[in-house]
Structure formats: C-alpha cells, structure tokens
C-alpha cells in the first residue's frame, strides 16, 4: 500500500514506519528470489565445472531464509571475527 499523501506520512508513528519498511524489504526479497530462481534455471541449463553444475542446490546459490532472517532481525548478530576483535579489545583495555 503506497502512501502518497504527505499528511498521512506526517502521522506515521515510528513503529508504523518500521513495519512498512520491513514489509518493503520482504517484498524486495521476494523479487530477488524470483531473479535468482531465473538465474538458477539458466545456470542449471548450461554452466558446469568439469561436467558438473557449479551449484548443486538452489539454497547454495541463494539462501532465501538467511536473507529473510536478516531482514526480520533474527540473524546471529556477531560473527566469529567480530567476536574475536571484541575480546581482543576488552583484553587490551584491561
């Protein structure tokens, strides 16, 4: 649902705005999924490495659920490298 009335935009609360942004991002994710699915079909139709497909499963080519988790804020926040850096900084400062 598009909002084109500036008065309605001015009345949006922050939670409403954030919800609309999340919905927009999920819609974009669905578009990316469709694009990747088309690319996957093309890859499977022709691209091989030593006679084998480069990607054996679609999930290895495009991880929809991982991207969705990131949008919904359910992904693991700290990577191992970031965690190591945080530990190093904490030890350095003590």
C-alpha atoms as a PDB file:
ATOM      1  CA  UNK A   1       0.000   0.000   0.000  1.00  0.00           C
ATOM      2  CA  UNK A   2       1.556   3.244  -1.120  1.00  0.00           C
ATOM      3  CA  UNK A   3       1.231   6.412   0.901  1.00  0.00           C
ATOM      4  CA  UNK A   4       1.203   9.449  -1.326  1.00  0.00           C
ATOM      5  CA  UNK A   5      -0.499  11.947   0.989  1.00  0.00           C
ATOM      6  CA  UNK A   6       2.065  13.973   2.948  1.00  0.00           C
ATOM      7  CA  UNK A   7      -0.412  14.475   5.811  1.00  0.00           C
ATOM      8  CA  UNK A   8      -0.678  10.706   6.200  1.00  0.00           C
ATOM      9  CA  UNK A   9       3.109  10.396   6.085  1.00  0.00           C
ATOM     10  CA  UNK A  10       3.402  13.033   8.839  1.00  0.00           C
ATOM     11  CA  UNK A  11       1.016  10.994  11.037  1.00  0.00           C
ATOM     12  CA  UNK A  12       3.050   7.801  10.750  1.00  0.00           C
ATOM     13  CA  UNK A  13       4.481   6.622  14.048  1.00  0.00           C
ATOM     14  CA  UNK A  14       7.988   5.210  14.168  1.00  0.00           C
ATOM     15  CA  UNK A  15       6.705   1.628  14.724  1.00  0.00           C
ATOM     16  CA  UNK A  16       4.361   2.040  11.720  1.00  0.00           C
ATOM     17  CA  UNK A  17       7.242   3.325   9.614  1.00  0.00           C
ATOM     18  CA  UNK A  18       9.499   0.459  10.688  1.00  0.00           C
ATOM     19  CA  UNK A  19       6.775  -2.089   9.915  1.00  0.00           C
ATOM     20  CA  UNK A  20       6.227  -0.599   6.462  1.00  0.00           C
ATOM     21  CA  UNK A  21       9.979  -0.632   5.806  1.00  0.00           C
ATOM     22  CA  UNK A  22      10.204  -4.274   6.860  1.00  0.00           C
ATOM     23  CA  UNK A  23       7.284  -5.134   4.563  1.00  0.00           C
ATOM     24  CA  UNK A  24       9.008  -3.301   1.708  1.00  0.00           C
ATOM     25  CA  UNK A  25      12.257  -5.169   2.355  1.00  0.00           C
ATOM     26  CA  UNK A  26      10.419  -8.511   2.368  1.00  0.00           C
ATOM     27  CA  UNK A  27       8.752  -7.587  -0.921  1.00  0.00           C
ATOM     28  CA  UNK A  28      12.189  -6.784  -2.361  1.00  0.00           C
ATOM     29  CA  UNK A  29      13.462 -10.118  -1.042  1.00  0.00           C
ATOM     30  CA  UNK A  30      10.690 -11.899  -2.936  1.00  0.00           C
ATOM     31  CA  UNK A  31      11.758 -10.056  -6.100  1.00  0.00           C
ATOM     32  CA  UNK A  32      15.380 -11.083  -5.505  1.00  0.00           C
ATOM     33  CA  UNK A  33      14.226 -14.677  -5.021  1.00  0.00           C
ATOM     34  CA  UNK A  34      12.442 -14.635  -8.378  1.00  0.00           C
ATOM     35  CA  UNK A  35      15.506 -13.145 -10.098  1.00  0.00           C
ATOM     36  CA  UNK A  36      17.790 -15.721  -8.507  1.00  0.00           C
ATOM     37  CA  UNK A  37      15.394 -18.535  -9.390  1.00  0.00           C
ATOM     38  CA  UNK A  38      15.529 -17.462 -13.035  1.00  0.00           C
ATOM     39  CA  UNK A  39      19.320 -17.238 -12.873  1.00  0.00           C
ATOM     40  CA  UNK A  40      19.412 -20.672 -11.213  1.00  0.00           C
ATOM     41  CA  UNK A  41      17.419 -22.154 -14.078  1.00  0.00           C
ATOM     42  CA  UNK A  42      19.883 -20.617 -16.530  1.00  0.00           C
ATOM     43  CA  UNK A  43      22.867 -21.925 -14.562  1.00  0.00           C
ATOM     44  CA  UNK A  44      21.417 -25.397 -14.344  1.00  0.00           C
ATOM     45  CA  UNK A  45      20.718 -25.348 -18.068  1.00  0.00           C
ATOM     46  CA  UNK A  46      24.264 -24.624 -19.075  1.00  0.00           C
ATOM     47  CA  UNK A  47      27.012 -23.738 -16.617  1.00  0.00           C
ATOM     48  CA  UNK A  48      29.183 -26.576 -15.432  1.00  0.00           C
ATOM     49  CA  UNK A  49      32.617 -27.078 -13.958  1.00  0.00           C
ATOM     50  CA  UNK A  50      34.298 -30.241 -15.210  1.00  0.00           C
ATOM     51  CA  UNK A  51      30.925 -31.523 -16.343  1.00  0.00           C
ATOM     52  CA  UNK A  52      29.182 -30.842 -13.009  1.00  0.00           C
ATOM     53  CA  UNK A  53      26.883 -27.968 -12.029  1.00  0.00           C
ATOM     54  CA  UNK A  54      28.674 -25.180 -10.140  1.00  0.00           C
ATOM     55  CA  UNK A  55      25.898 -25.080  -7.515  1.00  0.00           C
ATOM     56  CA  UNK A  56      24.379 -28.408  -6.535  1.00  0.00           C
ATOM     57  CA  UNK A  57      21.302 -26.959  -4.808  1.00  0.00           C
ATOM     58  CA  UNK A  58      19.380 -23.733  -5.167  1.00  0.00           C
ATOM     59  CA  UNK A  59      19.947 -22.911  -1.478  1.00  0.00           C
ATOM     60  CA  UNK A  60      23.699 -22.822  -2.056  1.00  0.00           C
ATOM     61  CA  UNK A  61      23.068 -20.331  -4.868  1.00  0.00           C
ATOM     62  CA  UNK A  62      20.600 -18.106  -2.958  1.00  0.00           C
ATOM     63  CA  UNK A  63      19.747 -18.589   0.719  1.00  0.00           C
ATOM     64  CA  UNK A  64      16.269 -17.056   0.954  1.00  0.00           C
ATOM     65  CA  UNK A  65      15.795 -17.981   4.612  1.00  0.00           C
ATOM     66  CA  UNK A  66      19.104 -16.429   5.664  1.00  0.00           C
ATOM     67  CA  UNK A  67      18.196 -13.182   3.893  1.00  0.00           C
ATOM     68  CA  UNK A  68      14.718 -13.252   5.462  1.00  0.00           C
ATOM     69  CA  UNK A  69      16.163 -13.811   8.940  1.00  0.00           C
ATOM     70  CA  UNK A  70      18.469 -10.828   8.409  1.00  0.00           C
ATOM     71  CA  UNK A  71      15.531  -8.577   7.454  1.00  0.00           C
ATOM     72  CA  UNK A  72      13.445  -9.789  10.387  1.00  0.00           C
ATOM     73  CA  UNK A  73      16.351  -9.240  12.783  1.00  0.00           C
ATOM     74  CA  UNK A  74      16.687 -12.892  13.739  1.00  0.00           C
ATOM     75  CA  UNK A  75      20.182 -13.445  12.384  1.00  0.00           C
ATOM     76  CA  UNK A  76      23.144 -14.081  14.617  1.00  0.00           C
ATOM     77  CA  UNK A  77      24.441 -10.593  15.298  1.00  0.00           C
ATOM     78  CA  UNK A  78      28.120 -11.215  15.938  1.00  0.00           C
ATOM     79  CA  UNK A  79      30.389 -13.002  13.548  1.00  0.00           C
ATOM     80  CA  UNK A  80      33.318 -15.041  14.893  1.00  0.00           C
ATOM     81  CA  UNK A  81      35.761 -12.396  13.605  1.00  0.00           C
ATOM     82  CA  UNK A  82      33.839  -9.577  15.257  1.00  0.00           C
ATOM     83  CA  UNK A  83      33.642 -11.557  18.494  1.00  0.00           C
ATOM     84  CA  UNK A  84      37.432 -12.143  18.429  1.00  0.00           C
ATOM     85  CA  UNK A  85      38.015  -8.433  17.863  1.00  0.00           C
ATOM     86  CA  UNK A  86      35.707  -7.509  20.749  1.00  0.00           C
ATOM     87  CA  UNK A  87      37.532  -9.950  23.043  1.00  0.00           C
ATOM     88  CA  UNK A  88      40.917  -8.589  21.964  1.00  0.00           C
ATOM     89  CA  UNK A  89      39.812  -5.010  22.642  1.00  0.00           C
ATOM     90  CA  UNK A  90      38.426  -5.998  26.061  1.00  0.00           C
ATOM     91  CA  UNK A  91      41.680  -7.754  26.971  1.00  0.00           C
ATOM     92  CA  UNK A  92      43.781  -4.871  25.641  1.00  0.00           C
ATOM     93  CA  UNK A  93      41.868  -2.349  27.740  1.00  0.00           C
ATOM     94  CA  UNK A  94      42.182  -4.371  30.961  1.00  0.00           C
END
